[in-house]
Amino acid sequence: MKSITVSKDNIAACGLYCGACRKFLSGKCPGCKNNEKASWCKIRQCCISKGYHTCAECERDVRECKIYSNFISKVFALLFNSDRPACISYIREHGEIAYAEEMNKRKCQTIKRK
């Protein structure tokens, strides 16, 4: 299994840090950004269509965005105790590399809900 590394390329469009995911680290998944099988992800599709790396580049508040704040994201947040909007806010405030470094330091994919 690979170890967690710091790379902005390991940040998914929604703000999750694929670089700390077990499937990514075990080589079973290329990460959301490079995963052609993730074509079902509307957030990824939206970012690609606008030329964004993540939703942090969009002027809209992700909490107000119907694409970002959908049923699947709410279920994910509940199951994984995830605050993905906080991830996007962190990226906006500190940048992608700082976010990747923080997730590497925390050894996790997401900022946890409080």
PDB file of N, CA and C in Angstrom:
ATOM      1  N   MET A   1       0.834  -1.175   0.000  1.00  0.00           N
ATOM      2  CA  MET A   1       0.000   0.000   0.000  1.00  0.00           C
ATOM      3  C   MET A   1       0.885   1.247   0.000  1.00  0.00           C
ATOM      4  N   LYS A   2       0.496   2.234  -0.829  1.00  0.00           N
ATOM      5  CA  LYS A   2       1.219   3.502  -0.888  1.00  0.00           C
ATOM      6  C   LYS A   2       0.990   4.284   0.406  1.00  0.00           C
ATOM      7  N   SER A   3       1.833   5.252   0.650  1.00  0.00           N
ATOM      8  CA  SER A   3       1.620   6.129   1.798  1.00  0.00           C
ATOM      9  C   SER A   3       0.962   7.415   1.305  1.00  0.00           C
ATOM     10  N   ILE A   4       0.326   8.128   2.213  1.00  0.00           N
ATOM     11  CA  ILE A   4      -0.347   9.375   1.869  1.00  0.00           C
ATOM     12  C   ILE A   4       0.708  10.406   1.466  1.00  0.00           C
ATOM     13  N   THR A   5       0.475  11.043   0.335  1.00  0.00           N
ATOM     14  CA  THR A   5       1.381  12.086  -0.141  1.00  0.00           C
ATOM     15  C   THR A   5       0.603  13.382  -0.331  1.00  0.00           C
ATOM     16  N   VAL A   6       1.329  14.469  -0.382  1.00  0.00           N
ATOM     17  CA  VAL A   6       0.725  15.784  -0.582  1.00  0.00           C
ATOM     18  C   VAL A   6       0.718  16.102  -2.070  1.00  0.00           C
ATOM     19  N   SER A   7      -0.484  16.226  -2.636  1.00  0.00           N
ATOM     20  CA  SER A   7      -0.610  16.586  -4.043  1.00  0.00           C
ATOM     21  C   SER A   7      -1.990  17.184  -4.287  1.00  0.00           C
ATOM     22  N   LYS A   8      -2.022  18.328  -4.948  1.00  0.00           N
ATOM     23  CA  LYS A   8      -3.320  18.919  -5.266  1.00  0.00           C
ATOM     24  C   LYS A   8      -4.076  18.052  -6.274  1.00  0.00           C
ATOM     25  N   ASP A   9      -3.371  17.203  -7.001  1.00  0.00           N
ATOM     26  CA  ASP A   9      -4.027  16.290  -7.942  1.00  0.00           C
ATOM     27  C   ASP A   9      -4.847  15.211  -7.237  1.00  0.00           C
ATOM     28  N   ASN A  10      -4.641  15.055  -5.943  1.00  0.00           N
ATOM     29  CA  ASN A  10      -5.399  14.065  -5.178  1.00  0.00           C
ATOM     30  C   ASN A  10      -6.643  14.656  -4.520  1.00  0.00           C
ATOM     31  N   ILE A  11      -6.979  15.887  -4.878  1.00  0.00           N
ATOM     32  CA  ILE A  11      -8.187  16.528  -4.349  1.00  0.00           C
ATOM     33  C   ILE A  11      -9.312  16.334  -5.354  1.00  0.00           C
ATOM     34  N   ALA A  12     -10.420  15.778  -4.879  1.00  0.00           N
ATOM     35  CA  ALA A  12     -11.598  15.594  -5.734  1.00  0.00           C
ATOM     36  C   ALA A  12     -12.295  16.938  -5.933  1.00  0.00           C
ATOM     37  N   ALA A  13     -13.113  17.023  -6.958  1.00  0.00           N
ATOM     38  CA  ALA A  13     -13.846  18.255  -7.258  1.00  0.00           C
ATOM     39  C   ALA A  13     -14.662  18.743  -6.061  1.00  0.00           C
ATOM     40  N   CYS A  14     -15.201  17.820  -5.283  1.00  0.00           N
ATOM     41  CA  CYS A  14     -16.057  18.159  -4.142  1.00  0.00           C
ATOM     42  C   CYS A  14     -15.273  18.524  -2.891  1.00  0.00           C
ATOM     43  N   GLY A  15     -13.959  18.346  -2.921  1.00  0.00           N
ATOM     44  CA  GLY A  15     -13.136  18.693  -1.773  1.00  0.00           C
ATOM     45  C   GLY A  15     -12.641  17.513  -0.968  1.00  0.00           C
ATOM     46  N   LEU A  16     -13.081  16.320  -1.285  1.00  0.00           N
ATOM     47  CA  LEU A  16     -12.535  15.155  -0.578  1.00  0.00           C
ATOM     48  C   LEU A  16     -11.071  14.980  -0.980  1.00  0.00           C
ATOM     49  N   TYR A  17     -10.274  14.449  -0.064  1.00  0.00           N
ATOM     50  CA  TYR A  17      -8.863  14.220  -0.368  1.00  0.00           C
ATOM     51  C   TYR A  17      -8.661  12.746  -0.673  1.00  0.00           C
ATOM     52  N   CYS A  18      -8.693  12.411  -1.961  1.00  0.00           N
ATOM     53  CA  CYS A  18      -8.540  11.024  -2.402  1.00  0.00           C
ATOM     54  C   CYS A  18      -7.194  10.446  -1.969  1.00  0.00           C
ATOM     55  N   GLY A  19      -6.208  11.298  -1.787  1.00  0.00           N
ATOM     56  CA  GLY A  19      -4.875  10.857  -1.413  1.00  0.00           C
ATOM     57  C   GLY A  19      -4.809  10.133  -0.087  1.00  0.00           C
ATOM     58  N   ALA A  20      -5.875  10.215   0.719  1.00  0.00           N
ATOM     59  CA  ALA A  20      -5.914   9.515   2.006  1.00  0.00           C
ATOM     60  C   ALA A  20      -6.924   8.366   2.007  1.00  0.00           C
ATOM     61  N   CYS A  21      -7.490   8.064   0.847  1.00  0.00           N
ATOM     62  CA  CYS A  21      -8.497   6.997   0.731  1.00  0.00           C
ATOM     63  C   CYS A  21      -7.812   5.631   0.643  1.00  0.00           C
ATOM     64  N   ARG A  22      -8.346   4.659   1.357  1.00  0.00           N
ATOM     65  CA  ARG A  22      -7.761   3.312   1.352  1.00  0.00           C
ATOM     66  C   ARG A  22      -7.743   2.697  -0.046  1.00  0.00           C
ATOM     67  N   LYS A  23      -8.819   2.878  -0.811  1.00  0.00           N
ATOM     68  CA  LYS A  23      -8.850   2.309  -2.163  1.00  0.00           C
ATOM     69  C   LYS A  23      -7.799   2.962  -3.053  1.00  0.00           C
ATOM     70  N   PHE A  24      -7.631   4.265  -2.908  1.00  0.00           N
ATOM     71  CA  PHE A  24      -6.610   4.971  -3.688  1.00  0.00           C
ATOM     72  C   PHE A  24      -5.217   4.490  -3.286  1.00  0.00           C
ATOM     73  N   LEU A  25      -4.979   4.417  -1.992  1.00  0.00           N
ATOM     74  CA  LEU A  25      -3.661   4.020  -1.496  1.00  0.00           C
ATOM     75  C   LEU A  25      -3.321   2.572  -1.824  1.00  0.00           C
ATOM     76  N   SER A  26      -4.349   1.716  -1.956  1.00  0.00           N
ATOM     77  CA  SER A  26      -4.091   0.315  -2.294  1.00  0.00           C
ATOM     78  C   SER A  26      -4.033   0.083  -3.810  1.00  0.00           C
ATOM     79  N   GLY A  27      -4.234   1.157  -4.582  1.00  0.00           N
ATOM     80  CA  GLY A  27      -4.159   1.042  -6.035  1.00  0.00           C
ATOM     81  C   GLY A  27      -5.435   0.550  -6.693  1.00  0.00           C
ATOM     82  N   LYS A  28      -6.524   0.447  -5.931  1.00  0.00           N
ATOM     83  CA  LYS A  28      -7.795  -0.030  -6.483  1.00  0.00           C
ATOM     84  C   LYS A  28      -8.621   1.078  -7.123  1.00  0.00           C
ATOM     85  N   CYS A  29      -8.214   2.332  -6.923  1.00  0.00           N
ATOM     86  CA  CYS A  29      -8.932   3.475  -7.487  1.00  0.00           C
ATOM     87  C   CYS A  29      -7.914   4.537  -7.878  1.00  0.00           C
ATOM     88  N   PRO A  30      -8.106   5.172  -9.037  1.00  0.00           N
ATOM     89  CA  PRO A  30      -7.161   6.210  -9.462  1.00  0.00           C
ATOM     90  C   PRO A  30      -7.433   7.575  -8.819  1.00  0.00           C
ATOM     91  N   GLY A  31      -8.457   7.653  -7.982  1.00  0.00           N
ATOM     92  CA  GLY A  31      -8.865   8.939  -7.417  1.00  0.00           C
ATOM     93  C   GLY A  31      -9.968   9.534  -8.268  1.00  0.00           C
ATOM     94  N   CYS A  32     -10.764  10.392  -7.696  1.00  0.00           N
ATOM     95  CA  CYS A  32     -11.927  10.938  -8.409  1.00  0.00           C
ATOM     96  C   CYS A  32     -11.559  11.733  -9.650  1.00  0.00           C
ATOM     97  N   LYS A  33     -10.495  12.485  -9.566  1.00  0.00           N
ATOM     98  CA  LYS A  33     -10.118  13.340 -10.688  1.00  0.00           C
ATOM     99  C   LYS A  33      -9.815  12.535 -11.945  1.00  0.00           C
ATOM    100  N   ASN A  34      -9.123  11.422 -11.804  1.00  0.00           N
ATOM    101  CA  ASN A  34      -8.700  10.617 -12.962  1.00  0.00           C
ATOM    102  C   ASN A  34      -9.543   9.375 -13.192  1.00  0.00           C
ATOM    103  N   ASN A  35     -10.651   9.265 -12.502  1.00  0.00           N
ATOM    104  CA  ASN A  35     -11.468   8.065 -12.581  1.00  0.00           C
ATOM    105  C   ASN A  35     -12.588   8.235 -13.602  1.00  0.00           C
ATOM    106  N   GLU A  36     -12.401   7.692 -14.777  1.00  0.00           N
ATOM    107  CA  GLU A  36     -13.424   7.794 -15.824  1.00  0.00           C
ATOM    108  C   GLU A  36     -14.721   7.090 -15.425  1.00  0.00           C
ATOM    109  N   LYS A  37     -14.643   6.143 -14.504  1.00  0.00           N
ATOM    110  CA  LYS A  37     -15.851   5.461 -14.029  1.00  0.00           C
ATOM    111  C   LYS A  37     -16.692   6.380 -13.141  1.00  0.00           C
ATOM    112  N   ALA A  38     -16.138   7.506 -12.722  1.00  0.00           N
ATOM    113  CA  ALA A  38     -16.862   8.447 -11.866  1.00  0.00           C
ATOM    114  C   ALA A  38     -17.685   9.433 -12.688  1.00  0.00           C
ATOM    115  N   SER A  39     -18.029   9.045 -13.903  1.00  0.00           N
ATOM    116  CA  SER A  39     -18.822   9.925 -14.763  1.00  0.00           C
ATOM    117  C   SER A  39     -20.209  10.179 -14.183  1.00  0.00           C
ATOM    118  N   TRP A  40     -20.648   9.363 -13.242  1.00  0.00           N
ATOM    119  CA  TRP A  40     -21.936   9.546 -12.571  1.00  0.00           C
ATOM    120  C   TRP A  40     -21.925  10.765 -11.646  1.00  0.00           C
ATOM    121  N   CYS A  41     -20.737  11.253 -11.264  1.00  0.00           N
ATOM    122  CA  CYS A  41     -20.629  12.346 -10.292  1.00  0.00           C
ATOM    123  C   CYS A  41     -20.932  13.686 -10.955  1.00  0.00           C
ATOM    124  N   LYS A  42     -22.040  14.274 -10.592  1.00  0.00           N
ATOM    125  CA  LYS A  42     -22.468  15.554 -11.169  1.00  0.00           C
ATOM    126  C   LYS A  42     -21.525  16.697 -10.770  1.00  0.00           C
ATOM    127  N   ILE A  43     -20.952  16.614  -9.570  1.00  0.00           N
ATOM    128  CA  ILE A  43     -20.032  17.653  -9.113  1.00  0.00           C
ATOM    129  C   ILE A  43     -18.783  17.642 -10.001  1.00  0.00           C
ATOM    130  N   ARG A  44     -18.249  16.463 -10.228  1.00  0.00           N
ATOM    131  CA  ARG A  44     -17.074  16.306 -11.086  1.00  0.00           C
ATOM    132  C   ARG A  44     -17.374  16.815 -12.496  1.00  0.00           C
ATOM    133  N   GLN A  45     -18.533  16.436 -13.032  1.00  0.00           N
ATOM    134  CA  GLN A  45     -18.931  16.865 -14.375  1.00  0.00           C
ATOM    135  C   GLN A  45     -19.027  18.384 -14.459  1.00  0.00           C
ATOM    136  N   CYS A  46     -19.596  19.000 -13.438  1.00  0.00           N
ATOM    137  CA  CYS A  46     -19.745  20.460 -13.417  1.00  0.00           C
ATOM    138  C   CYS A  46     -18.380  21.135 -13.424  1.00  0.00           C
ATOM    139  N   CYS A  47     -17.469  20.672 -12.563  1.00  0.00           N
ATOM    140  CA  CYS A  47     -16.127  21.269 -12.507  1.00  0.00           C
ATOM    141  C   CYS A  47     -15.388  21.101 -13.826  1.00  0.00           C
ATOM    142  N   ILE A  48     -15.471  19.928 -14.417  1.00  0.00           N
ATOM    143  CA  ILE A  48     -14.808  19.682 -15.700  1.00  0.00           C
ATOM    144  C   ILE A  48     -15.376  20.620 -16.765  1.00  0.00           C
ATOM    145  N   SER A  49     -16.703  20.767 -16.808  1.00  0.00           N
ATOM    146  CA  SER A  49     -17.331  21.607 -17.838  1.00  0.00           C
ATOM    147  C   SER A  49     -16.949  23.081 -17.694  1.00  0.00           C
ATOM    148  N   LYS A  50     -16.649  23.508 -16.457  1.00  0.00           N
ATOM    149  CA  LYS A  50     -16.272  24.904 -16.224  1.00  0.00           C
ATOM    150  C   LYS A  50     -14.760  25.117 -16.190  1.00  0.00           C
ATOM    151  N   GLY A  51     -14.005  24.023 -16.320  1.00  0.00           N
ATOM    152  CA  GLY A  51     -12.559  24.128 -16.292  1.00  0.00           C
ATOM    153  C   GLY A  51     -11.988  24.332 -14.896  1.00  0.00           C
ATOM    154  N   TYR A  52     -12.754  23.958 -13.875  1.00  0.00           N
ATOM    155  CA  TYR A  52     -12.310  24.091 -12.488  1.00  0.00           C
ATOM    156  C   TYR A  52     -11.658  22.805 -12.014  1.00  0.00           C
ATOM    157  N   HIS A  53     -10.724  22.939 -11.091  1.00  0.00           N
ATOM    158  CA  HIS A  53     -10.132  21.770 -10.446  1.00  0.00           C
ATOM    159  C   HIS A  53     -11.045  21.306  -9.317  1.00  0.00           C
ATOM    160  N   THR A  54     -11.564  22.273  -8.534  1.00  0.00           N
ATOM    161  CA  THR A  54     -12.513  21.971  -7.455  1.00  0.00           C
ATOM    162  C   THR A  54     -13.607  23.035  -7.422  1.00  0.00           C
ATOM    163  N   CYS A  55     -14.611  22.784  -6.618  1.00  0.00           N
ATOM    164  CA  CYS A  55     -15.695  23.744  -6.433  1.00  0.00           C
ATOM    165  C   CYS A  55     -15.223  25.029  -5.754  1.00  0.00           C
ATOM    166  N   ALA A  56     -14.049  25.011  -5.166  1.00  0.00           N
ATOM    167  CA  ALA A  56     -13.509  26.208  -4.520  1.00  0.00           C
ATOM    168  C   ALA A  56     -13.282  27.337  -5.528  1.00  0.00           C
ATOM    169  N   GLU A  57     -13.156  27.005  -6.792  1.00  0.00           N
ATOM    170  CA  GLU A  57     -12.942  28.016  -7.828  1.00  0.00           C
ATOM    171  C   GLU A  57     -14.235  28.694  -8.266  1.00  0.00           C
ATOM    172  N   CYS A  58     -15.357  28.119  -7.917  1.00  0.00           N
ATOM    173  CA  CYS A  58     -16.661  28.654  -8.306  1.00  0.00           C
ATOM    174  C   CYS A  58     -17.058  29.786  -7.359  1.00  0.00           C
ATOM    175  N   GLU A  59     -17.760  30.771  -7.904  1.00  0.00           N
ATOM    176  CA  GLU A  59     -18.188  31.900  -7.084  1.00  0.00           C
ATOM    177  C   GLU A  59     -19.392  31.555  -6.194  1.00  0.00           C
ATOM    178  N   ARG A  60     -20.074  30.471  -6.491  1.00  0.00           N
ATOM    179  CA  ARG A  60     -21.263  30.086  -5.721  1.00  0.00           C
ATOM    180  C   ARG A  60     -20.881  29.467  -4.381  1.00  0.00           C
ATOM    181  N   ASP A  61     -21.746  29.661  -3.399  1.00  0.00           N
ATOM    182  CA  ASP A  61     -21.589  29.006  -2.096  1.00  0.00           C
ATOM    183  C   ASP A  61     -22.049  27.562  -2.271  1.00  0.00           C
ATOM    184  N   VAL A  62     -21.194  26.606  -1.953  1.00  0.00           N
ATOM    185  CA  VAL A  62     -21.536  25.200  -2.176  1.00  0.00           C
ATOM    186  C   VAL A  62     -22.779  24.778  -1.389  1.00  0.00           C
ATOM    187  N   ARG A  63     -23.039  25.423  -0.267  1.00  0.00           N
ATOM    188  CA  ARG A  63     -24.239  25.088   0.522  1.00  0.00           C
ATOM    189  C   ARG A  63     -25.516  25.489  -0.214  1.00  0.00           C
ATOM    190  N   GLU A  64     -25.407  26.426  -1.150  1.00  0.00           N
ATOM    191  CA  GLU A  64     -26.552  26.901  -1.931  1.00  0.00           C
ATOM    192  C   GLU A  64     -26.656  26.186  -3.287  1.00  0.00           C
ATOM    193  N   CYS A  65     -25.623  25.473  -3.659  1.00  0.00           N
ATOM    194  CA  CYS A  65     -25.559  24.826  -4.970  1.00  0.00           C
ATOM    195  C   CYS A  65     -26.335  23.507  -4.970  1.00  0.00           C
ATOM    196  N   LYS A  66     -27.273  23.393  -5.890  1.00  0.00           N
ATOM    197  CA  LYS A  66     -28.096  22.170  -5.989  1.00  0.00           C
ATOM    198  C   LYS A  66     -27.271  20.971  -6.464  1.00  0.00           C
ATOM    199  N   ILE A  67     -26.259  21.227  -7.252  1.00  0.00           N
ATOM    200  CA  ILE A  67     -25.408  20.128  -7.728  1.00  0.00           C
ATOM    201  C   ILE A  67     -24.552  19.606  -6.580  1.00  0.00           C
ATOM    202  N   TYR A  68     -23.972  20.506  -5.802  1.00  0.00           N
ATOM    203  CA  TYR A  68     -23.081  20.117  -4.703  1.00  0.00           C
ATOM    204  C   TYR A  68     -23.855  19.537  -3.517  1.00  0.00           C
ATOM    205  N   SER A  69     -24.916  20.195  -3.139  1.00  0.00           N
ATOM    206  CA  SER A  69     -25.686  19.782  -1.953  1.00  0.00           C
ATOM    207  C   SER A  69     -26.878  18.930  -2.370  1.00  0.00           C
ATOM    208  N   ASN A  70     -26.588  17.754  -2.868  1.00  0.00           N
ATOM    209  CA  ASN A  70     -27.643  16.857  -3.329  1.00  0.00           C
ATOM    210  C   ASN A  70     -27.874  15.721  -2.316  1.00  0.00           C
ATOM    211  N   PHE A  71     -28.795  14.849  -2.618  1.00  0.00           N
ATOM    212  CA  PHE A  71     -29.145  13.756  -1.712  1.00  0.00           C
ATOM    213  C   PHE A  71     -27.946  12.859  -1.404  1.00  0.00           C
ATOM    214  N   ILE A  72     -27.189  12.492  -2.433  1.00  0.00           N
ATOM    215  CA  ILE A  72     -26.032  11.610  -2.237  1.00  0.00           C
ATOM    216  C   ILE A  72     -25.010  12.260  -1.313  1.00  0.00           C
ATOM    217  N   SER A  73     -24.773  13.551  -1.490  1.00  0.00           N
ATOM    218  CA  SER A  73     -23.784  14.231  -0.640  1.00  0.00           C
ATOM    219  C   SER A  73     -24.248  14.281   0.810  1.00  0.00           C
ATOM    220  N   LYS A  74     -25.543  14.416   1.018  1.00  0.00           N
ATOM    221  CA  LYS A  74     -26.070  14.445   2.390  1.00  0.00           C
ATOM    222  C   LYS A  74     -25.955  13.077   3.060  1.00  0.00           C
ATOM    223  N   VAL A  75     -26.194  12.017   2.294  1.00  0.00           N
ATOM    224  CA  VAL A  75     -26.029  10.659   2.827  1.00  0.00           C
ATOM    225  C   VAL A  75     -24.553  10.407   3.139  1.00  0.00           C
ATOM    226  N   PHE A  76     -23.674  10.798   2.228  1.00  0.00           N
ATOM    227  CA  PHE A  76     -22.238  10.642   2.433  1.00  0.00           C
ATOM    228  C   PHE A  76     -21.803  11.375   3.702  1.00  0.00           C
ATOM    229  N   ALA A  77     -22.275  12.611   3.859  1.00  0.00           N
ATOM    230  CA  ALA A  77     -21.908  13.413   5.028  1.00  0.00           C
ATOM    231  C   ALA A  77     -22.339  12.727   6.321  1.00  0.00           C
ATOM    232  N   LEU A  78     -23.516  12.152   6.308  1.00  0.00           N
ATOM    233  CA  LEU A  78     -24.025  11.458   7.487  1.00  0.00           C
ATOM    234  C   LEU A  78     -23.215  10.197   7.776  1.00  0.00           C
ATOM    235  N   LEU A  79     -22.982   9.388   6.771  1.00  0.00           N
ATOM    236  CA  LEU A  79     -22.272   8.120   6.953  1.00  0.00           C
ATOM    237  C   LEU A  79     -20.817   8.303   7.386  1.00  0.00           C
ATOM    238  N   PHE A  80     -20.172   9.318   6.839  1.00  0.00           N
ATOM    239  CA  PHE A  80     -18.741   9.494   7.080  1.00  0.00           C
ATOM    240  C   PHE A  80     -18.404  10.674   7.987  1.00  0.00           C
ATOM    241  N   ASN A  81     -19.455  11.270   8.588  1.00  0.00           N
ATOM    242  CA  ASN A  81     -19.255  12.406   9.491  1.00  0.00           C
ATOM    243  C   ASN A  81     -18.427  13.490   8.797  1.00  0.00           C
ATOM    244  N   SER A  82     -18.750  13.741   7.536  1.00  0.00           N
ATOM    245  CA  SER A  82     -17.969  14.618   6.675  1.00  0.00           C
ATOM    246  C   SER A  82     -18.604  15.999   6.533  1.00  0.00           C
ATOM    247  N   ASP A  83     -17.768  17.023   6.544  1.00  0.00           N
ATOM    248  CA  ASP A  83     -18.201  18.393   6.273  1.00  0.00           C
ATOM    249  C   ASP A  83     -17.477  18.865   5.012  1.00  0.00           C
ATOM    250  N   ARG A  84     -17.962  18.402   3.866  1.00  0.00           N
ATOM    251  CA  ARG A  84     -17.314  18.758   2.600  1.00  0.00           C
ATOM    252  C   ARG A  84     -17.342  20.260   2.322  1.00  0.00           C
ATOM    253  N   PRO A  85     -18.424  20.978   2.690  1.00  0.00           N
ATOM    254  CA  PRO A  85     -18.364  22.435   2.504  1.00  0.00           C
ATOM    255  C   PRO A  85     -17.205  23.074   3.281  1.00  0.00           C
ATOM    256  N   ALA A  86     -16.870  22.515   4.443  1.00  0.00           N
ATOM    257  CA  ALA A  86     -15.715  23.028   5.199  1.00  0.00           C
ATOM    258  C   ALA A  86     -14.420  22.758   4.435  1.00  0.00           C
ATOM    259  N   CYS A  87     -14.367  21.652   3.711  1.00  0.00           N
ATOM    260  CA  CYS A  87     -13.190  21.350   2.881  1.00  0.00           C
ATOM    261  C   CYS A  87     -13.037  22.412   1.786  1.00  0.00           C
ATOM    262  N   ILE A  88     -14.136  22.737   1.123  1.00  0.00           N
ATOM    263  CA  ILE A  88     -14.106  23.751   0.066  1.00  0.00           C
ATOM    264  C   ILE A  88     -13.722  25.108   0.655  1.00  0.00           C
ATOM    265  N   SER A  89     -14.259  25.444   1.811  1.00  0.00           N
ATOM    266  CA  SER A  89     -13.899  26.707   2.472  1.00  0.00           C
ATOM    267  C   SER A  89     -12.416  26.754   2.806  1.00  0.00           C
ATOM    268  N   TYR A  90     -11.878  25.639   3.274  1.00  0.00           N
ATOM    269  CA  TYR A  90     -10.451  25.566   3.604  1.00  0.00           C
ATOM    270  C   TYR A  90      -9.617  25.801   2.348  1.00  0.00           C
ATOM    271  N   ILE A  91     -10.008  25.159   1.259  1.00  0.00           N
ATOM    272  CA  ILE A  91      -9.275  25.326  -0.002  1.00  0.00           C
ATOM    273  C   ILE A  91      -9.332  26.782  -0.457  1.00  0.00           C
ATOM    274  N   ARG A  92     -10.509  27.404  -0.376  1.00  0.00           N
ATOM    275  CA  ARG A  92     -10.650  28.804  -0.776  1.00  0.00           C
ATOM    276  C   ARG A  92      -9.763  29.716   0.068  1.00  0.00           C
ATOM    277  N   GLU A  93      -9.716  29.456   1.346  1.00  0.00           N
ATOM    278  CA  GLU A  93      -8.974  30.318   2.266  1.00  0.00           C
ATOM    279  C   GLU A  93      -7.460  30.097   2.225  1.00  0.00           C
ATOM    280  N   HIS A  94      -7.048  28.834   2.120  1.00  0.00           N
ATOM    281  CA  HIS A  94      -5.626  28.515   2.261  1.00  0.00           C
ATOM    282  C   HIS A  94      -4.962  27.987   0.989  1.00  0.00           C
ATOM    283  N   GLY A  95      -5.751  27.550   0.015  1.00  0.00           N
ATOM    284  CA  GLY A  95      -5.200  26.999  -1.223  1.00  0.00           C
ATOM    285  C   GLY A  95      -5.162  25.477  -1.219  1.00  0.00           C
ATOM    286  N   GLU A  96      -5.015  24.921  -2.400  1.00  0.00           N
ATOM    287  CA  GLU A  96      -5.060  23.464  -2.571  1.00  0.00           C
ATOM    288  C   GLU A  96      -3.882  22.746  -1.916  1.00  0.00           C
ATOM    289  N   ILE A  97      -2.688  23.294  -2.056  1.00  0.00           N
ATOM    290  CA  ILE A  97      -1.517  22.631  -1.463  1.00  0.00           C
ATOM    291  C   ILE A  97      -1.627  22.614   0.057  1.00  0.00           C
ATOM    292  N   ALA A  98      -2.045  23.736   0.649  1.00  0.00           N
ATOM    293  CA  ALA A  98      -2.204  23.788   2.112  1.00  0.00           C
ATOM    294  C   ALA A  98      -3.261  22.782   2.566  1.00  0.00           C
ATOM    295  N   TYR A  99      -4.324  22.634   1.772  1.00  0.00           N
ATOM    296  CA  TYR A  99      -5.370  21.655   2.109  1.00  0.00           C
ATOM    297  C   TYR A  99      -4.807  20.229   2.030  1.00  0.00           C
ATOM    298  N   ALA A 100      -4.077  19.947   0.969  1.00  0.00           N
ATOM    299  CA  ALA A 100      -3.467  18.613   0.823  1.00  0.00           C
ATOM    300  C   ALA A 100      -2.514  18.338   1.978  1.00  0.00           C
ATOM    301  N   GLU A 101      -1.753  19.335   2.378  1.00  0.00           N
ATOM    302  CA  GLU A 101      -0.846  19.175   3.522  1.00  0.00           C
ATOM    303  C   GLU A 101      -1.625  18.905   4.812  1.00  0.00           C
ATOM    304  N   GLU A 102      -2.726  19.621   4.996  1.00  0.00           N
ATOM    305  CA  GLU A 102      -3.549  19.438   6.203  1.00  0.00           C
ATOM    306  C   GLU A 102      -4.169  18.040   6.239  1.00  0.00           C
ATOM    307  N   MET A 103      -4.673  17.583   5.110  1.00  0.00           N
ATOM    308  CA  MET A 103      -5.272  16.248   5.069  1.00  0.00           C
ATOM    309  C   MET A 103      -4.202  15.174   5.265  1.00  0.00           C
ATOM    310  N   ASN A 104      -3.005  15.416   4.748  1.00  0.00           N
ATOM    311  CA  ASN A 104      -1.892  14.502   4.960  1.00  0.00           C
ATOM    312  C   ASN A 104      -1.549  14.446   6.454  1.00  0.00           C
ATOM    313  N   LYS A 105      -1.503  15.595   7.068  1.00  0.00           N
ATOM    314  CA  LYS A 105      -1.195  15.670   8.500  1.00  0.00           C
ATOM    315  C   LYS A 105      -2.274  14.954   9.327  1.00  0.00           C
ATOM    316  N   ARG A 106      -3.534  15.158   8.951  1.00  0.00           N
ATOM    317  CA  ARG A 106      -4.651  14.526   9.672  1.00  0.00           C
ATOM    318  C   ARG A 106      -4.841  13.061   9.295  1.00  0.00           C
ATOM    319  N   LYS A 107      -4.259  12.644   8.164  1.00  0.00           N
ATOM    320  CA  LYS A 107      -4.414  11.277   7.646  1.00  0.00           C
ATOM    321  C   LYS A 107      -5.887  10.942   7.382  1.00  0.00           C
ATOM    322  N   CYS A 108      -6.584  11.894   6.755  1.00  0.00           N
ATOM    323  CA  CYS A 108      -8.002  11.651   6.472  1.00  0.00           C
ATOM    324  C   CYS A 108      -8.419  12.298   5.149  1.00  0.00           C
ATOM    325  N   GLN A 109      -9.584  11.891   4.669  1.00  0.00           N
ATOM    326  CA  GLN A 109     -10.116  12.338   3.390  1.00  0.00           C
ATOM    327  C   GLN A 109     -10.921  13.620   3.485  1.00  0.00           C
ATOM    328  N   THR A 110     -11.398  13.952   4.679  1.00  0.00           N
ATOM    329  CA  THR A 110     -12.335  15.051   4.804  1.00  0.00           C
ATOM    330  C   THR A 110     -12.199  15.731   6.157  1.00  0.00           C
ATOM    331  N   ILE A 111     -12.706  16.933   6.227  1.00  0.00           N
ATOM    332  CA  ILE A 111     -12.820  17.603   7.509  1.00  0.00           C
ATOM    333  C   ILE A 111     -14.084  17.062   8.170  1.00  0.00           C
ATOM    334  N   LYS A 112     -13.960  16.662   9.388  1.00  0.00           N
ATOM    335  CA  LYS A 112     -15.098  16.066  10.097  1.00  0.00           C
ATOM    336  C   LYS A 112     -16.084  17.124  10.554  1.00  0.00           C
ATOM    337  N   ARG A 113     -17.373  16.755  10.565  1.00  0.00           N
ATOM    338  CA  ARG A 113     -18.416  17.658  11.084  1.00  0.00           C
ATOM    339  C   ARG A 113     -18.210  17.849  12.569  1.00  0.00           C
ATOM    340  N   LYS A 114     -18.551  19.019  13.008  1.00  0.00           N
ATOM    341  CA  LYS A 114     -18.441  19.322  14.446  1.00  0.00           C
ATOM    342  C   LYS A 114     -19.746  19.109  15.154  1.00  0.00           C
TER     343      LYS A 114
END
